Amino acid sequence: MVIWFTGMSGSGKSTLAESLSSVLQKKRFSVRIIDGDFVRKFNKTVNHFTVESILKNNYSIIEECLKTFKLFDFIVVSVISPYEETRKYAKKKLGKEYFEIFVTCSIETLINRDTKGLYQKAILGEIDNLIGFSEKLHYEEPVNSDLIIRTDHMEDQEAVKLILNHLPISD
């Protein structure tokens, strides 16, 4: 099964993906984590954070999932994936093996967290391509996620328990 975390930078996707993967591995499931940085590094590509490069990166992640999802019990994808087009494609290709989680929080929380310093750079005008924050790159909120996690209203452990309750696994 592919568990696809989508949300803006700093929303908590990677934190939840890592926590979930750790719990699944303790339950003796085989797990692979894929994130956008990994794919760019693996494919030796640079994401210039244009619509075209983002789409290309997301489609390459989907293709990697399609190639390898039968080798693992779970593939956990943590990527902004801002466009409904790619998320629909992933769902179409993976069918019942696709589980989408929209990780969200307030813009104030994103700015306060600013784990990579990107929001401060965007506010100062140093970058103009922060997905969902900058005018030129929108984040299209999912319309049919399997689960929505508001990380400004829920602790990580609580969120992981909620996710586990929605997965086809037994304790």
N, C-alpha and C. Protein backbone atom coordinates (compact mmCIF):
# COMPACT_ATOMS: atom_id res chain seq x y z
N MET A 1 0.84 -1.18 0.00
CA MET A 1 0.00 0.00 0.00
C MET A 1 0.88 1.24 0.00
N VAL A 2 0.46 2.25 -0.75
CA VAL A 2 1.16 3.53 -0.79
C VAL A 2 0.38 4.51 0.07
N ILE A 3 1.04 5.03 1.07
CA ILE A 3 0.46 6.06 1.94
C ILE A 3 1.07 7.38 1.51
N TRP A 4 0.23 8.25 0.96
CA TRP A 4 0.70 9.48 0.32
C TRP A 4 0.35 10.68 1.20
N PHE A 5 1.37 11.28 1.81
CA PHE A 5 1.20 12.50 2.59
C PHE A 5 1.36 13.71 1.68
N THR A 6 0.37 14.59 1.64
CA THR A 6 0.45 15.82 0.87
C THR A 6 0.15 16.99 1.80
N GLY A 7 0.78 18.11 1.55
CA GLY A 7 0.57 19.32 2.35
C GLY A 7 1.70 20.29 2.09
N MET A 8 1.52 21.50 2.57
CA MET A 8 2.51 22.54 2.32
C MET A 8 3.80 22.28 3.11
N SER A 9 4.85 22.95 2.72
CA SER A 9 6.13 22.85 3.40
C SER A 9 5.95 23.24 4.87
N GLY A 10 6.40 22.39 5.78
CA GLY A 10 6.31 22.68 7.20
C GLY A 10 5.03 22.21 7.86
N SER A 11 4.16 21.57 7.10
CA SER A 11 2.88 21.14 7.68
C SER A 11 3.02 19.94 8.61
N GLY A 12 4.10 19.19 8.45
CA GLY A 12 4.33 18.02 9.30
C GLY A 12 4.34 16.69 8.56
N LYS A 13 4.35 16.74 7.23
CA LYS A 13 4.31 15.51 6.43
C LYS A 13 5.46 14.57 6.77
N SER A 14 6.67 15.07 6.73
CA SER A 14 7.85 14.22 6.95
C SER A 14 7.89 13.69 8.37
N THR A 15 7.54 14.52 9.34
CA THR A 15 7.52 14.08 10.74
C THR A 15 6.54 12.93 10.91
N LEU A 16 5.34 13.08 10.36
CA LEU A 16 4.34 12.01 10.47
C LEU A 16 4.76 10.77 9.69
N ALA A 17 5.34 10.98 8.51
CA ALA A 17 5.79 9.85 7.69
C ALA A 17 6.85 9.04 8.43
N GLU A 18 7.80 9.72 9.05
CA GLU A 18 8.85 9.03 9.80
C GLU A 18 8.27 8.30 11.01
N SER A 19 7.39 8.97 11.73
CA SER A 19 6.78 8.35 12.92
C SER A 19 5.95 7.13 12.54
N LEU A 20 5.14 7.27 11.50
CA LEU A 20 4.32 6.15 11.03
C LEU A 20 5.20 5.00 10.57
N SER A 21 6.23 5.29 9.81
CA SER A 21 7.13 4.25 9.31
C SER A 21 7.78 3.49 10.46
N SER A 22 8.18 4.22 11.50
CA SER A 22 8.80 3.59 12.65
C SER A 22 7.83 2.63 13.33
N VAL A 23 6.59 3.06 13.51
CA VAL A 23 5.58 2.20 14.14
C VAL A 23 5.31 0.97 13.27
N LEU A 24 5.17 1.17 11.98
CA LEU A 24 4.92 0.04 11.07
C LEU A 24 6.07 -0.96 11.08
N GLN A 25 7.30 -0.46 11.12
CA GLN A 25 8.46 -1.35 11.15
C GLN A 25 8.51 -2.13 12.46
N LYS A 26 8.13 -1.49 13.56
CA LYS A 26 8.07 -2.20 14.84
C LYS A 26 7.03 -3.31 14.81
N LYS A 27 6.01 -3.14 13.98
CA LYS A 27 4.98 -4.16 13.82
C LYS A 27 5.41 -5.20 12.78
N ARG A 28 6.65 -5.10 12.33
CA ARG A 28 7.27 -6.04 11.41
C ARG A 28 6.78 -5.94 9.96
N PHE A 29 6.33 -4.75 9.57
CA PHE A 29 6.01 -4.51 8.18
C PHE A 29 7.24 -3.97 7.47
N SER A 30 7.37 -4.32 6.20
CA SER A 30 8.46 -3.73 5.41
C SER A 30 7.95 -2.38 4.89
N VAL A 31 8.79 -1.36 5.07
CA VAL A 31 8.39 0.01 4.75
C VAL A 31 9.49 0.71 3.98
N ARG A 32 9.08 1.46 2.99
CA ARG A 32 10.01 2.33 2.25
C ARG A 32 9.46 3.75 2.32
N ILE A 33 10.34 4.70 2.60
CA ILE A 33 9.94 6.11 2.62
C ILE A 33 10.49 6.77 1.37
N ILE A 34 9.63 7.55 0.72
CA ILE A 34 10.03 8.34 -0.45
C ILE A 34 9.61 9.78 -0.19
N ASP A 35 10.55 10.68 -0.37
CA ASP A 35 10.17 12.09 -0.33
C ASP A 35 10.74 12.79 -1.56
N GLY A 36 10.28 14.01 -1.77
CA GLY A 36 10.66 14.74 -2.98
C GLY A 36 12.16 14.92 -3.11
N ASP A 37 12.83 15.21 -1.99
CA ASP A 37 14.29 15.39 -2.02
C ASP A 37 14.98 14.10 -2.46
N PHE A 38 14.49 12.96 -1.95
CA PHE A 38 15.07 11.67 -2.31
C PHE A 38 14.99 11.44 -3.82
N VAL A 39 13.83 11.69 -4.39
CA VAL A 39 13.64 11.43 -5.82
C VAL A 39 14.53 12.33 -6.66
N ARG A 40 14.62 13.60 -6.29
CA ARG A 40 15.49 14.50 -7.05
C ARG A 40 16.94 14.04 -6.96
N LYS A 41 17.36 13.61 -5.77
CA LYS A 41 18.73 13.14 -5.59
C LYS A 41 18.96 11.85 -6.37
N PHE A 42 18.00 10.91 -6.28
CA PHE A 42 18.11 9.62 -6.96
C PHE A 42 18.16 9.81 -8.48
N ASN A 43 17.30 10.69 -9.00
CA ASN A 43 17.25 10.92 -10.44
C ASN A 43 18.25 11.97 -10.91
N LYS A 44 19.00 12.53 -9.96
CA LYS A 44 19.97 13.58 -10.26
C LYS A 44 19.32 14.73 -11.03
N THR A 45 18.15 15.15 -10.53
CA THR A 45 17.45 16.27 -11.16
C THR A 45 17.35 17.41 -10.16
N VAL A 46 17.18 18.60 -10.70
CA VAL A 46 16.99 19.79 -9.89
C VAL A 46 15.56 20.24 -10.10
N ASN A 47 14.86 20.48 -9.00
CA ASN A 47 13.52 21.02 -9.11
C ASN A 47 13.64 22.53 -9.01
N HIS A 48 13.32 23.21 -10.10
CA HIS A 48 13.40 24.66 -10.11
C HIS A 48 12.13 25.28 -9.56
N PHE A 49 11.24 24.42 -9.06
CA PHE A 49 9.97 24.84 -8.48
C PHE A 49 9.18 25.71 -9.43
N THR A 50 9.06 25.15 -10.65
CA THR A 50 8.11 25.66 -11.62
C THR A 50 6.99 24.62 -11.68
N VAL A 51 5.87 24.99 -12.23
CA VAL A 51 4.76 24.03 -12.34
C VAL A 51 5.26 22.78 -13.06
N GLU A 52 5.99 22.97 -14.16
CA GLU A 52 6.45 21.84 -14.96
C GLU A 52 7.40 20.93 -14.18
N SER A 53 8.35 21.51 -13.45
CA SER A 53 9.31 20.67 -12.72
C SER A 53 8.65 19.97 -11.54
N ILE A 54 7.67 20.62 -10.93
CA ILE A 54 6.94 19.99 -9.83
C ILE A 54 6.14 18.80 -10.35
N LEU A 55 5.43 19.00 -11.46
CA LEU A 55 4.66 17.90 -12.05
C LEU A 55 5.57 16.74 -12.42
N LYS A 56 6.69 17.05 -13.06
CA LYS A 56 7.64 16.01 -13.46
C LYS A 56 8.13 15.23 -12.24
N ASN A 57 8.48 15.93 -11.19
CA ASN A 57 8.95 15.28 -9.97
C ASN A 57 7.86 14.39 -9.37
N ASN A 58 6.64 14.89 -9.30
CA ASN A 58 5.54 14.10 -8.73
C ASN A 58 5.24 12.87 -9.57
N TYR A 59 5.24 13.01 -10.90
CA TYR A 59 5.00 11.84 -11.75
C TYR A 59 6.13 10.82 -11.60
N SER A 60 7.35 11.27 -11.40
CA SER A 60 8.45 10.31 -11.22
C SER A 60 8.29 9.57 -9.89
N ILE A 61 7.77 10.24 -8.88
CA ILE A 61 7.51 9.57 -7.60
C ILE A 61 6.42 8.50 -7.79
N ILE A 62 5.39 8.85 -8.52
CA ILE A 62 4.31 7.89 -8.78
C ILE A 62 4.87 6.67 -9.53
N GLU A 63 5.69 6.92 -10.53
CA GLU A 63 6.27 5.81 -11.30
C GLU A 63 7.14 4.93 -10.41
N GLU A 64 7.90 5.54 -9.52
CA GLU A 64 8.72 4.77 -8.59
C GLU A 64 7.84 3.91 -7.68
N CYS A 65 6.73 4.46 -7.23
CA CYS A 65 5.79 3.68 -6.41
C CYS A 65 5.23 2.51 -7.20
N LEU A 66 4.85 2.76 -8.44
CA LEU A 66 4.29 1.70 -9.28
C LEU A 66 5.30 0.57 -9.51
N LYS A 67 6.56 0.93 -9.66
CA LYS A 67 7.60 -0.07 -9.92
C LYS A 67 7.89 -0.92 -8.69
N THR A 68 7.73 -0.34 -7.50
CA THR A 68 8.23 -1.03 -6.31
C THR A 68 7.20 -1.34 -5.23
N PHE A 69 5.94 -0.96 -5.41
CA PHE A 69 5.00 -1.12 -4.30
C PHE A 69 4.75 -2.58 -3.92
N LYS A 70 4.97 -3.51 -4.81
CA LYS A 70 4.77 -4.93 -4.47
C LYS A 70 5.95 -5.50 -3.68
N LEU A 71 7.04 -4.74 -3.60
CA LEU A 71 8.21 -5.20 -2.86
C LEU A 71 8.13 -4.88 -1.37
N PHE A 72 7.18 -4.03 -0.99
CA PHE A 72 7.06 -3.57 0.39
C PHE A 72 5.61 -3.70 0.85
N ASP A 73 5.45 -3.83 2.15
CA ASP A 73 4.09 -3.79 2.69
C ASP A 73 3.53 -2.37 2.55
N PHE A 74 4.38 -1.38 2.82
CA PHE A 74 3.97 0.02 2.73
C PHE A 74 5.07 0.86 2.10
N ILE A 75 4.67 1.74 1.21
CA ILE A 75 5.54 2.82 0.74
C ILE A 75 4.91 4.09 1.28
N VAL A 76 5.70 4.84 2.02
CA VAL A 76 5.23 6.08 2.64
C VAL A 76 5.84 7.24 1.87
N VAL A 77 4.98 8.00 1.21
CA VAL A 77 5.42 9.13 0.39
C VAL A 77 5.12 10.42 1.13
N SER A 78 6.13 11.25 1.25
CA SER A 78 5.97 12.55 1.89
C SER A 78 6.45 13.60 0.90
N VAL A 79 5.49 14.26 0.27
CA VAL A 79 5.83 15.23 -0.78
C VAL A 79 4.72 16.27 -0.86
N ILE A 80 5.06 17.50 -1.12
CA ILE A 80 4.05 18.56 -1.17
C ILE A 80 2.95 18.20 -2.15
N SER A 81 3.29 17.71 -3.31
CA SER A 81 2.35 17.34 -4.37
C SER A 81 1.16 18.30 -4.42
N PRO A 82 1.40 19.53 -4.89
CA PRO A 82 0.40 20.58 -4.78
C PRO A 82 -0.75 20.51 -5.79
N TYR A 83 -0.65 19.61 -6.76
CA TYR A 83 -1.66 19.62 -7.82
C TYR A 83 -2.54 18.39 -7.79
N GLU A 84 -3.84 18.64 -7.85
CA GLU A 84 -4.84 17.57 -7.83
C GLU A 84 -4.59 16.59 -8.99
N GLU A 85 -4.09 17.11 -10.10
CA GLU A 85 -3.82 16.29 -11.30
C GLU A 85 -2.94 15.08 -10.96
N THR A 86 -1.84 15.31 -10.23
CA THR A 86 -0.94 14.20 -9.94
C THR A 86 -1.50 13.28 -8.87
N ARG A 87 -2.20 13.84 -7.90
CA ARG A 87 -2.80 12.99 -6.87
C ARG A 87 -3.90 12.10 -7.46
N LYS A 88 -4.70 12.64 -8.37
CA LYS A 88 -5.73 11.83 -9.05
C LYS A 88 -5.07 10.73 -9.87
N TYR A 89 -3.98 11.07 -10.55
CA TYR A 89 -3.27 10.09 -11.36
C TYR A 89 -2.75 8.95 -10.48
N ALA A 90 -2.16 9.31 -9.33
CA ALA A 90 -1.65 8.29 -8.41
C ALA A 90 -2.78 7.38 -7.95
N LYS A 91 -3.90 7.99 -7.62
CA LYS A 91 -5.05 7.19 -7.16
C LYS A 91 -5.57 6.28 -8.28
N LYS A 92 -5.61 6.81 -9.49
CA LYS A 92 -6.07 6.01 -10.64
C LYS A 92 -5.13 4.82 -10.88
N LYS A 93 -3.84 5.07 -10.84
CA LYS A 93 -2.87 4.02 -11.13
C LYS A 93 -2.75 2.98 -10.01
N LEU A 94 -2.85 3.43 -8.75
CA LEU A 94 -2.65 2.53 -7.63
C LEU A 94 -3.95 1.97 -7.06
N GLY A 95 -5.06 2.60 -7.39
CA GLY A 95 -6.36 2.10 -6.95
C GLY A 95 -6.48 1.93 -5.46
N LYS A 96 -6.89 0.75 -5.02
CA LYS A 96 -7.08 0.47 -3.60
C LYS A 96 -5.77 0.51 -2.81
N GLU A 97 -4.66 0.48 -3.51
CA GLU A 97 -3.35 0.51 -2.85
C GLU A 97 -2.88 1.93 -2.53
N TYR A 98 -3.73 2.94 -2.79
CA TYR A 98 -3.39 4.34 -2.58
C TYR A 98 -4.22 4.88 -1.43
N PHE A 99 -3.53 5.47 -0.44
CA PHE A 99 -4.20 6.07 0.72
C PHE A 99 -3.62 7.47 0.90
N GLU A 100 -4.46 8.47 0.70
CA GLU A 100 -3.99 9.86 0.71
C GLU A 100 -4.31 10.55 2.03
N ILE A 101 -3.30 11.21 2.58
CA ILE A 101 -3.46 11.95 3.82
C ILE A 101 -3.08 13.40 3.56
N PHE A 102 -4.04 14.30 3.78
CA PHE A 102 -3.80 15.73 3.65
C PHE A 102 -3.37 16.25 5.02
N VAL A 103 -2.12 16.73 5.08
CA VAL A 103 -1.57 17.27 6.32
C VAL A 103 -1.63 18.78 6.21
N THR A 104 -2.32 19.41 7.15
CA THR A 104 -2.56 20.84 7.05
C THR A 104 -2.47 21.52 8.41
N CYS A 105 -2.29 22.81 8.38
CA CYS A 105 -2.31 23.65 9.57
C CYS A 105 -2.45 25.09 9.10
N SER A 106 -2.61 26.00 10.02
CA SER A 106 -2.80 27.41 9.65
C SER A 106 -1.51 27.98 9.07
N ILE A 107 -1.66 29.02 8.26
CA ILE A 107 -0.49 29.68 7.69
C ILE A 107 0.36 30.28 8.80
N GLU A 108 -0.27 30.73 9.87
CA GLU A 108 0.48 31.27 11.02
C GLU A 108 1.38 30.19 11.62
N THR A 109 0.86 28.97 11.72
CA THR A 109 1.66 27.87 12.25
C THR A 109 2.82 27.57 11.32
N LEU A 110 2.57 27.57 10.01
CA LEU A 110 3.65 27.32 9.05
C LEU A 110 4.75 28.37 9.19
N ILE A 111 4.36 29.62 9.30
CA ILE A 111 5.34 30.71 9.42
C ILE A 111 6.10 30.59 10.73
N ASN A 112 5.40 30.23 11.82
CA ASN A 112 6.07 30.09 13.11
C ASN A 112 7.01 28.89 13.14
N ARG A 113 6.62 27.79 12.49
CA ARG A 113 7.49 26.60 12.45
C ARG A 113 8.69 26.87 11.57
N ASP A 114 8.42 27.23 10.33
CA ASP A 114 9.42 27.57 9.32
C ASP A 114 10.70 26.74 9.45
N THR A 115 10.54 25.42 9.45
CA THR A 115 11.65 24.51 9.70
C THR A 115 12.82 24.66 8.74
N LYS A 116 12.57 25.11 7.53
CA LYS A 116 13.64 25.27 6.54
C LYS A 116 13.96 26.74 6.26
N GLY A 117 13.30 27.65 6.96
CA GLY A 117 13.54 29.08 6.74
C GLY A 117 12.94 29.62 5.45
N LEU A 118 12.07 28.83 4.82
CA LEU A 118 11.53 29.22 3.51
C LEU A 118 10.49 30.34 3.61
N TYR A 119 9.68 30.31 4.65
CA TYR A 119 8.64 31.34 4.77
C TYR A 119 9.28 32.70 5.03
N GLN A 120 10.33 32.73 5.86
CA GLN A 120 11.03 33.99 6.10
C GLN A 120 11.64 34.52 4.81
N LYS A 121 12.23 33.63 4.02
CA LYS A 121 12.80 34.06 2.73
C LYS A 121 11.71 34.60 1.80
N ALA A 122 10.56 33.94 1.81
CA ALA A 122 9.45 34.40 0.95
C ALA A 122 8.93 35.76 1.43
N ILE A 123 8.81 35.92 2.73
CA ILE A 123 8.33 37.19 3.29
C ILE A 123 9.30 38.32 2.94
N LEU A 124 10.59 38.03 2.97
CA LEU A 124 11.62 39.03 2.67
C LEU A 124 11.81 39.24 1.16
N GLY A 125 11.12 38.44 0.34
CA GLY A 125 11.23 38.58 -1.10
C GLY A 125 12.46 37.92 -1.69
N GLU A 126 13.13 37.09 -0.91
CA GLU A 126 14.33 36.41 -1.39
C GLU A 126 13.99 35.24 -2.31
N ILE A 127 12.81 34.66 -2.12
CA ILE A 127 12.31 33.63 -3.02
C ILE A 127 10.87 33.96 -3.37
N ASP A 128 10.48 33.58 -4.59
CA ASP A 128 9.10 33.86 -5.01
C ASP A 128 8.40 32.60 -5.49
N ASN A 129 8.92 31.44 -5.05
CA ASN A 129 8.35 30.18 -5.53
C ASN A 129 8.05 29.19 -4.41
N LEU A 130 7.65 29.69 -3.26
CA LEU A 130 7.28 28.82 -2.15
C LEU A 130 5.85 28.34 -2.38
N ILE A 131 5.72 27.05 -2.62
CA ILE A 131 4.43 26.47 -3.01
C ILE A 131 3.36 26.76 -1.95
N GLY A 132 2.26 27.33 -2.43
CA GLY A 132 1.13 27.61 -1.56
C GLY A 132 1.21 28.94 -0.84
N PHE A 133 2.36 29.58 -0.88
CA PHE A 133 2.56 30.85 -0.19
C PHE A 133 2.83 31.97 -1.19
N SER A 134 3.63 31.65 -2.20
CA SER A 134 3.95 32.63 -3.23
C SER A 134 2.84 32.66 -4.27
N GLU A 135 2.61 33.80 -4.85
CA GLU A 135 1.53 33.98 -5.82
C GLU A 135 1.65 33.06 -7.03
N LYS A 136 2.87 32.78 -7.46
CA LYS A 136 3.02 32.04 -8.72
C LYS A 136 2.88 30.52 -8.61
N LEU A 137 2.90 29.98 -7.39
CA LEU A 137 2.75 28.53 -7.22
C LEU A 137 1.70 28.24 -6.16
N HIS A 138 0.53 27.86 -6.61
CA HIS A 138 -0.57 27.57 -5.70
C HIS A 138 -0.51 26.14 -5.20
N TYR A 139 -1.11 25.91 -4.06
CA TYR A 139 -1.31 24.57 -3.54
C TYR A 139 -2.80 24.29 -3.64
N GLU A 140 -3.16 23.28 -4.41
CA GLU A 140 -4.56 22.90 -4.57
C GLU A 140 -4.91 21.90 -3.47
N GLU A 141 -5.70 22.34 -2.51
CA GLU A 141 -6.07 21.43 -1.43
C GLU A 141 -6.82 20.23 -2.00
N PRO A 142 -6.51 19.05 -1.49
CA PRO A 142 -7.19 17.84 -1.98
C PRO A 142 -8.70 17.91 -1.72
N VAL A 143 -9.45 17.34 -2.66
CA VAL A 143 -10.90 17.32 -2.51
C VAL A 143 -11.40 15.97 -2.00
N ASN A 144 -10.60 14.93 -2.15
CA ASN A 144 -11.05 13.58 -1.75
C ASN A 144 -9.98 12.81 -0.99
N SER A 145 -9.29 13.44 -0.06
CA SER A 145 -8.30 12.71 0.74
C SER A 145 -9.00 11.65 1.58
N ASP A 146 -8.26 10.59 1.85
CA ASP A 146 -8.79 9.55 2.72
C ASP A 146 -8.80 9.99 4.18
N LEU A 147 -7.92 10.93 4.50
CA LEU A 147 -7.79 11.39 5.87
C LEU A 147 -7.21 12.80 5.86
N ILE A 148 -7.67 13.64 6.78
CA ILE A 148 -7.12 14.99 6.95
C ILE A 148 -6.57 15.08 8.36
N ILE A 149 -5.31 15.51 8.47
CA ILE A 149 -4.67 15.68 9.76
C ILE A 149 -4.32 17.16 9.91
N ARG A 150 -4.84 17.79 10.94
CA ARG A 150 -4.53 19.20 11.26
C ARG A 150 -3.46 19.18 12.34
N THR A 151 -2.23 19.41 11.95
CA THR A 151 -1.11 19.29 12.88
C THR A 151 -1.04 20.42 13.90
N ASP A 152 -1.84 21.46 13.71
CA ASP A 152 -1.87 22.50 14.73
C ASP A 152 -2.95 22.21 15.78
N HIS A 153 -3.67 21.10 15.60
CA HIS A 153 -4.70 20.69 16.56
C HIS A 153 -4.50 19.28 17.09
N MET A 154 -3.40 18.62 16.68
CA MET A 154 -3.22 17.22 17.04
C MET A 154 -1.74 16.92 17.24
N GLU A 155 -1.42 16.22 18.29
CA GLU A 155 -0.05 15.79 18.54
C GLU A 155 0.33 14.66 17.57
N ASP A 156 1.62 14.51 17.31
CA ASP A 156 2.10 13.51 16.36
C ASP A 156 1.63 12.10 16.69
N GLN A 157 1.77 11.69 17.97
CA GLN A 157 1.38 10.33 18.36
C GLN A 157 -0.11 10.09 18.13
N GLU A 158 -0.91 11.10 18.41
CA GLU A 158 -2.35 10.99 18.20
C GLU A 158 -2.65 10.85 16.71
N ALA A 159 -1.94 11.60 15.89
CA ALA A 159 -2.13 11.54 14.44
C ALA A 159 -1.74 10.16 13.91
N VAL A 160 -0.63 9.62 14.38
CA VAL A 160 -0.19 8.30 13.92
C VAL A 160 -1.21 7.24 14.32
N LYS A 161 -1.75 7.32 15.53
CA LYS A 161 -2.79 6.37 15.94
C LYS A 161 -4.01 6.47 15.03
N LEU A 162 -4.40 7.68 14.70
CA LEU A 162 -5.53 7.89 13.80
C LEU A 162 -5.26 7.26 12.43
N ILE A 163 -4.07 7.46 11.91
CA ILE A 163 -3.70 6.87 10.61
C ILE A 163 -3.74 5.35 10.70
N LEU A 164 -3.14 4.78 11.74
CA LEU A 164 -3.13 3.33 11.90
C LEU A 164 -4.54 2.76 11.95
N ASN A 165 -5.45 3.48 12.58
CA ASN A 165 -6.85 3.02 12.64
C ASN A 165 -7.52 2.97 11.28
N HIS A 166 -6.96 3.69 10.30
CA HIS A 166 -7.54 3.70 8.96
C HIS A 166 -6.83 2.75 7.98
N LEU A 167 -5.78 2.11 8.45
CA LEU A 167 -5.03 1.20 7.57
C LEU A 167 -5.50 -0.24 7.76
N PRO A 168 -5.39 -1.02 6.68
CA PRO A 168 -5.83 -2.42 6.76
C PRO A 168 -4.81 -3.32 7.45
N ILE A 169 -4.59 -3.04 8.75
CA ILE A 169 -3.66 -3.87 9.52
C ILE A 169 -4.33 -4.26 10.82
N SER A 170 -3.85 -5.33 11.41
CA SER A 170 -4.38 -5.74 12.71
C SER A 170 -3.25 -5.62 13.73
N ASP A 171 -3.65 -5.41 14.98
CA ASP A 171 -2.63 -5.25 16.04
C ASP A 171 -2.09 -6.56 16.44
